[in-house]
Amino acid sequence: MSQQKNILNLKSLSIDHDSPVPLHLQVEEILRDMINDPDYQNGKFLPKEVDLSKRLGISRNTIRQATNRLVQEKLLIRKKGVGTKVAKKQVETKLSNWVSFSQEMHAQGINFRNYEIKVSQIKVSAEVSEQLEVKEGQELFRLERLRGLDNGPFVYFVSYFHPRIGITGNEDFERHLYDILEHEYHTIPVLSREQISAILANKFLAEKLGVPVNSAILQRKRVVYDPGNRPIEYNIGYYRADQFTYSIDIKR
């Protein structure tokens, strides 16, 4: 029955055999349209290669050529003997691009949600003291933000700000963080030093991110500096490993 349903869904598909555009590129465009279809994004298997080839009047090798391209782009996942599905989209960030999270998501066309925003004044711990180069026990502001997509949060950020900036706790942290620092406090971030590691989620982080306790999550620690190489922010980000990817561009 499921096979018959897939064949019926192919009725509106066609390609132009007289077009100068190669057949595999035309098939690729058809597959890209399918990838954007909500039914397929929600886990429905794409039509089988044999059904597509019959409907379009082309060889299965042409279908496979187009499918391989999209598998390489990580848009499709193909399992032998099972079928082909749309890959679950992961949010991705590049180590060479360390603008604020909201700026980066906006640049990628990703609409994210702030599930929680909390500002508090705390006394500096030994770790924060070392990173921000302030005295242990000194008071400063901590910003906590739980962020994600419509289907749930995938990152929990904790930021600590150097007292010299002048953060009051009354800022609108729905805005881009580094826009606030630059335009309201004349503090310009120019350098970021980062450490990335895998850790296991404790009960607190598991509840925040909606994952089981002891799940593997990505931890990223970042110290941001101003033009005078003075630390201005110490940020710790905890990411769901199944929904977030760090990519690195390396030039020789």
Protein backbone atom coordinates (compact mmCIF):
# COMPACT_ATOMS: atom_id res chain seq x y z
CA MET A 1 0.00 0.00 0.00
CA SER A 2 2.81 2.41 0.87
CA GLN A 3 4.48 1.67 -2.46
CA GLN A 4 1.22 2.48 -4.31
CA LYS A 5 1.02 5.80 -2.42
CA ASN A 6 4.52 6.76 -3.53
CA ILE A 7 3.68 5.95 -7.18
CA LEU A 8 0.55 8.11 -7.01
CA ASN A 9 2.58 11.01 -5.67
CA LEU A 10 4.78 10.91 -8.78
CA LYS A 11 1.99 11.78 -11.22
CA SER A 12 2.76 15.49 -11.32
CA LEU A 13 6.50 15.00 -11.85
CA SER A 14 8.11 15.44 -15.25
CA ILE A 15 11.32 16.55 -16.93
CA ASP A 16 12.04 18.15 -20.29
CA HIS A 17 13.90 15.64 -22.45
CA ASP A 18 14.52 18.33 -25.09
CA SER A 19 16.08 20.78 -22.65
CA PRO A 20 19.82 21.56 -22.84
CA VAL A 21 19.91 21.13 -19.06
CA PRO A 22 21.35 17.66 -18.25
CA LEU A 23 18.81 15.13 -17.05
CA HIS A 24 20.56 14.53 -13.73
CA LEU A 25 20.42 18.26 -12.93
CA GLN A 26 16.71 18.32 -13.68
CA VAL A 27 16.22 15.36 -11.37
CA GLU A 28 18.31 17.12 -8.74
CA GLU A 29 15.94 20.11 -8.83
CA ILE A 30 12.96 17.77 -8.40
CA LEU A 31 14.63 16.19 -5.39
CA ARG A 32 15.44 19.59 -3.90
CA ASP A 33 11.75 20.49 -4.15
CA MET A 34 10.91 17.27 -2.36
CA ILE A 35 13.43 18.11 0.39
CA ASN A 36 11.51 21.33 1.08
CA ASP A 37 8.15 19.51 1.19
CA PRO A 38 6.88 19.36 4.83
CA ASP A 39 5.83 15.71 4.41
CA TYR A 40 9.36 14.64 3.54
CA GLN A 41 10.91 16.92 6.16
CA ASN A 42 8.78 15.14 8.74
CA GLY A 43 10.32 11.76 7.95
CA LYS A 44 8.45 10.39 4.94
CA PHE A 45 10.65 8.34 2.61
CA LEU A 46 11.31 9.75 -0.86
CA PRO A 47 9.96 7.75 -3.84
CA LYS A 48 12.06 4.74 -4.81
CA GLU A 49 14.60 5.11 -7.60
CA VAL A 50 12.76 2.55 -9.75
CA ASP A 51 9.48 4.47 -9.42
CA LEU A 52 11.11 7.78 -10.27
CA SER A 53 12.93 6.37 -13.27
CA LYS A 54 9.71 4.85 -14.65
CA ARG A 55 7.74 8.04 -14.16
CA LEU A 56 10.39 10.32 -15.67
CA GLY A 57 11.40 7.93 -18.45
CA ILE A 58 15.08 7.88 -17.57
CA SER A 59 17.58 5.39 -16.21
CA ARG A 60 18.02 4.57 -12.54
CA ASN A 61 21.68 5.58 -12.90
CA THR A 62 20.55 9.15 -13.65
CA ILE A 63 18.34 9.15 -10.56
CA ARG A 64 21.21 7.76 -8.50
CA GLN A 65 23.62 10.42 -9.82
CA ALA A 66 21.31 13.20 -8.66
CA THR A 67 20.65 11.50 -5.32
CA ASN A 68 24.36 10.98 -4.68
CA ARG A 69 24.97 14.69 -5.06
CA LEU A 70 22.39 15.54 -2.41
CA VAL A 71 23.67 12.82 -0.10
CA GLN A 72 27.15 14.37 -0.38
CA GLU A 73 25.64 17.75 0.50
CA LYS A 74 24.15 16.07 3.60
CA LEU A 75 20.64 16.98 2.47
CA LEU A 76 19.58 13.37 2.09
CA ILE A 77 20.30 10.19 4.03
CA ARG A 78 20.20 6.90 2.15
CA LYS A 79 20.11 3.52 3.90
CA LYS A 80 20.56 0.43 1.80
CA GLY A 81 17.49 -1.74 1.81
CA VAL A 82 15.48 0.89 3.70
CA GLY A 83 15.13 4.02 1.57
CA THR A 84 16.10 7.68 1.26
CA LYS A 85 15.02 10.37 3.70
CA VAL A 86 15.58 14.08 4.17
CA ALA A 87 18.45 14.68 6.58
CA LYS A 88 17.58 16.40 9.80
CA LYS A 89 18.93 19.91 9.48
CA GLN A 90 21.60 20.80 11.98
CA VAL A 91 22.48 24.29 13.01
CA GLU A 92 26.06 24.99 12.04
CA THR A 93 28.61 27.57 13.07
CA LYS A 94 32.15 28.22 11.89
CA LEU A 95 35.10 28.77 14.16
CA SER A 96 36.25 31.57 11.86
CA ASN A 97 32.95 33.39 12.42
CA TRP A 98 32.37 34.45 16.02
CA VAL A 99 29.81 37.22 15.77
CA SER A 100 27.02 36.93 18.32
CA PHE A 101 24.83 33.86 18.10
CA SER A 102 21.77 35.85 17.01
CA GLN A 103 23.74 37.63 14.27
CA GLU A 104 25.09 34.33 12.96
CA MET A 105 21.69 32.63 12.96
CA HIS A 106 20.17 35.66 11.22
CA ALA A 107 22.90 35.52 8.54
CA GLN A 108 22.02 31.85 7.91
CA GLY A 109 18.33 32.65 7.64
CA ILE A 110 17.51 30.63 10.77
CA ASN A 111 14.72 31.92 13.00
CA PHE A 112 15.51 30.97 16.58
CA ARG A 113 13.62 31.48 19.83
CA ASN A 114 14.71 32.72 23.22
CA TYR A 115 13.18 30.30 25.70
CA GLU A 116 14.77 31.95 28.73
CA ILE A 117 16.74 35.13 29.38
CA LYS A 118 17.95 35.76 32.91
CA VAL A 119 20.31 38.43 34.23
CA SER A 120 21.75 38.28 37.73
CA GLN A 121 24.54 39.83 39.74
CA ILE A 122 26.94 37.28 41.17
CA LYS A 123 30.26 37.06 42.94
CA VAL A 124 33.11 35.91 40.73
CA SER A 125 34.24 32.28 40.99
CA ALA A 126 37.87 31.24 40.63
CA GLU A 127 37.31 30.16 37.00
CA VAL A 128 35.60 33.40 35.93
CA SER A 129 38.18 35.42 37.89
CA GLU A 130 41.01 33.84 35.91
CA GLN A 131 39.34 34.29 32.52
CA LEU A 132 38.22 37.91 33.01
CA GLU A 133 41.31 38.91 35.03
CA VAL A 134 39.32 40.25 37.99
CA LYS A 135 39.52 39.54 41.72
CA GLU A 136 37.79 36.43 42.99
CA GLY A 137 34.63 37.40 44.86
CA GLN A 138 34.15 40.64 42.92
CA GLU A 139 30.58 41.25 41.74
CA LEU A 140 29.63 41.28 38.08
CA PHE A 141 26.69 40.47 35.84
CA ARG A 142 25.85 37.03 34.52
CA LEU A 143 23.57 36.55 31.53
CA GLU A 144 21.86 33.17 30.98
CA ARG A 145 20.07 32.45 27.70
CA LEU A 146 18.30 29.29 26.60
CA ARG A 147 17.84 29.37 22.83
CA GLY A 148 16.64 27.11 20.06
CA LEU A 149 14.13 26.49 17.29
CA ASP A 150 10.36 26.01 17.38
CA ASN A 151 10.79 22.34 18.23
CA GLY A 152 12.76 23.12 21.39
CA PRO A 153 15.99 24.58 22.79
CA PHE A 154 19.38 23.33 21.61
CA VAL A 155 21.86 25.70 23.32
CA TYR A 156 22.25 27.15 26.79
CA PHE A 157 24.60 30.15 27.09
CA VAL A 158 26.10 31.64 30.25
CA SER A 159 27.96 34.95 29.79
CA TYR A 160 29.98 36.88 32.36
CA PHE A 161 30.89 40.53 31.66
CA HIS A 162 33.89 42.47 32.91
CA PRO A 163 32.76 45.21 35.34
CA ARG A 164 34.56 47.90 33.33
CA ILE A 165 31.96 47.58 30.55
CA GLY A 166 29.24 49.03 32.74
CA ILE A 167 26.49 46.46 32.19
CA THR A 168 23.48 47.40 34.35
CA GLY A 169 21.28 44.33 33.94
CA ASN A 170 18.50 46.41 32.37
CA GLU A 171 19.64 45.88 28.77
CA ASP A 172 17.35 44.35 26.15
CA PHE A 173 19.18 41.08 25.60
CA GLU A 174 16.72 40.06 22.90
CA ARG A 175 18.98 42.21 20.73
CA HIS A 176 22.36 41.22 19.26
CA LEU A 177 24.76 41.06 22.21
CA TYR A 178 27.75 42.64 20.49
CA ASP A 179 25.61 45.44 19.08
CA ILE A 180 24.68 46.30 22.65
CA LEU A 181 28.32 46.29 23.77
CA GLU A 182 29.47 48.40 20.84
CA HIS A 183 26.67 50.94 20.54
CA GLU A 184 25.70 51.39 24.18
CA TYR A 185 29.02 50.82 25.92
CA HIS A 186 31.60 51.60 23.20
CA THR A 187 33.14 48.18 23.74
CA ILE A 188 34.21 46.51 20.50
CA PRO A 189 34.98 42.78 20.42
CA VAL A 190 37.89 42.00 18.10
CA LEU A 191 39.29 38.66 19.27
CA SER A 192 37.82 35.40 20.50
CA ARG A 193 39.74 32.52 22.08
CA GLU A 194 37.78 29.29 22.28
CA GLN A 195 38.00 25.81 23.74
CA ILE A 196 35.64 23.06 22.61
CA SER A 197 35.09 19.76 24.36
CA ALA A 198 32.53 16.99 24.76
CA ILE A 199 30.97 16.54 28.20
CA LEU A 200 28.13 14.57 29.75
CA ALA A 201 24.94 16.43 30.63
CA ASN A 202 24.24 16.68 34.35
CA LYS A 203 20.66 16.87 35.61
CA PHE A 204 20.52 20.66 35.29
CA LEU A 205 21.80 20.75 31.69
CA ALA A 206 19.70 17.73 30.71
CA GLU A 207 16.55 19.52 31.84
CA LYS A 208 17.54 22.73 30.06
CA LEU A 209 18.30 21.05 26.74
CA GLY A 210 15.68 18.33 26.89
CA VAL A 211 18.08 15.39 26.74
CA PRO A 212 18.66 12.39 29.02
CA VAL A 213 21.11 12.73 31.89
CA ASN A 214 24.64 11.73 30.84
CA SER A 215 23.94 12.47 27.17
CA ALA A 216 26.94 13.75 25.25
CA ILE A 217 26.76 17.51 24.69
CA LEU A 218 29.17 20.03 23.21
CA GLN A 219 30.75 22.57 25.55
CA ARG A 220 32.34 25.68 24.13
CA LYS A 221 34.22 28.16 26.32
CA ARG A 222 34.95 31.55 24.79
CA VAL A 223 36.83 34.61 26.03
CA VAL A 224 36.24 37.76 23.98
CA TYR A 225 38.74 40.62 23.96
CA ASP A 226 38.68 44.31 23.02
CA PRO A 227 41.28 46.08 20.79
CA GLY A 228 43.56 46.45 23.80
CA ASN A 229 43.55 42.66 24.34
CA ARG A 230 41.50 43.11 27.50
CA PRO A 231 38.85 40.46 28.27
CA ILE A 232 35.29 41.74 28.07
CA GLU A 233 33.18 38.57 28.12
CA TYR A 234 33.59 34.99 29.29
CA ASN A 235 30.95 32.79 27.69
CA ILE A 236 30.18 29.10 28.16
CA GLY A 237 27.85 27.46 25.66
CA TYR A 238 26.28 24.03 26.06
CA TYR A 239 24.93 22.57 22.80
CA ARG A 240 22.82 19.51 22.01
CA ALA A 241 25.21 17.35 20.02
CA ASP A 242 22.43 15.95 17.85
CA GLN A 243 21.33 19.38 16.64
CA PHE A 244 24.51 21.42 16.36
CA THR A 245 27.71 21.19 14.34
CA TYR A 246 30.95 23.17 14.46
CA SER A 247 32.72 23.43 11.10
CA ILE A 248 36.25 24.63 10.51
CA ASP A 249 37.68 26.28 7.40
CA ILE A 250 41.45 25.86 7.16
CA LYS A 251 43.48 27.72 4.56
CA ARG A 252 47.04 26.90 3.71
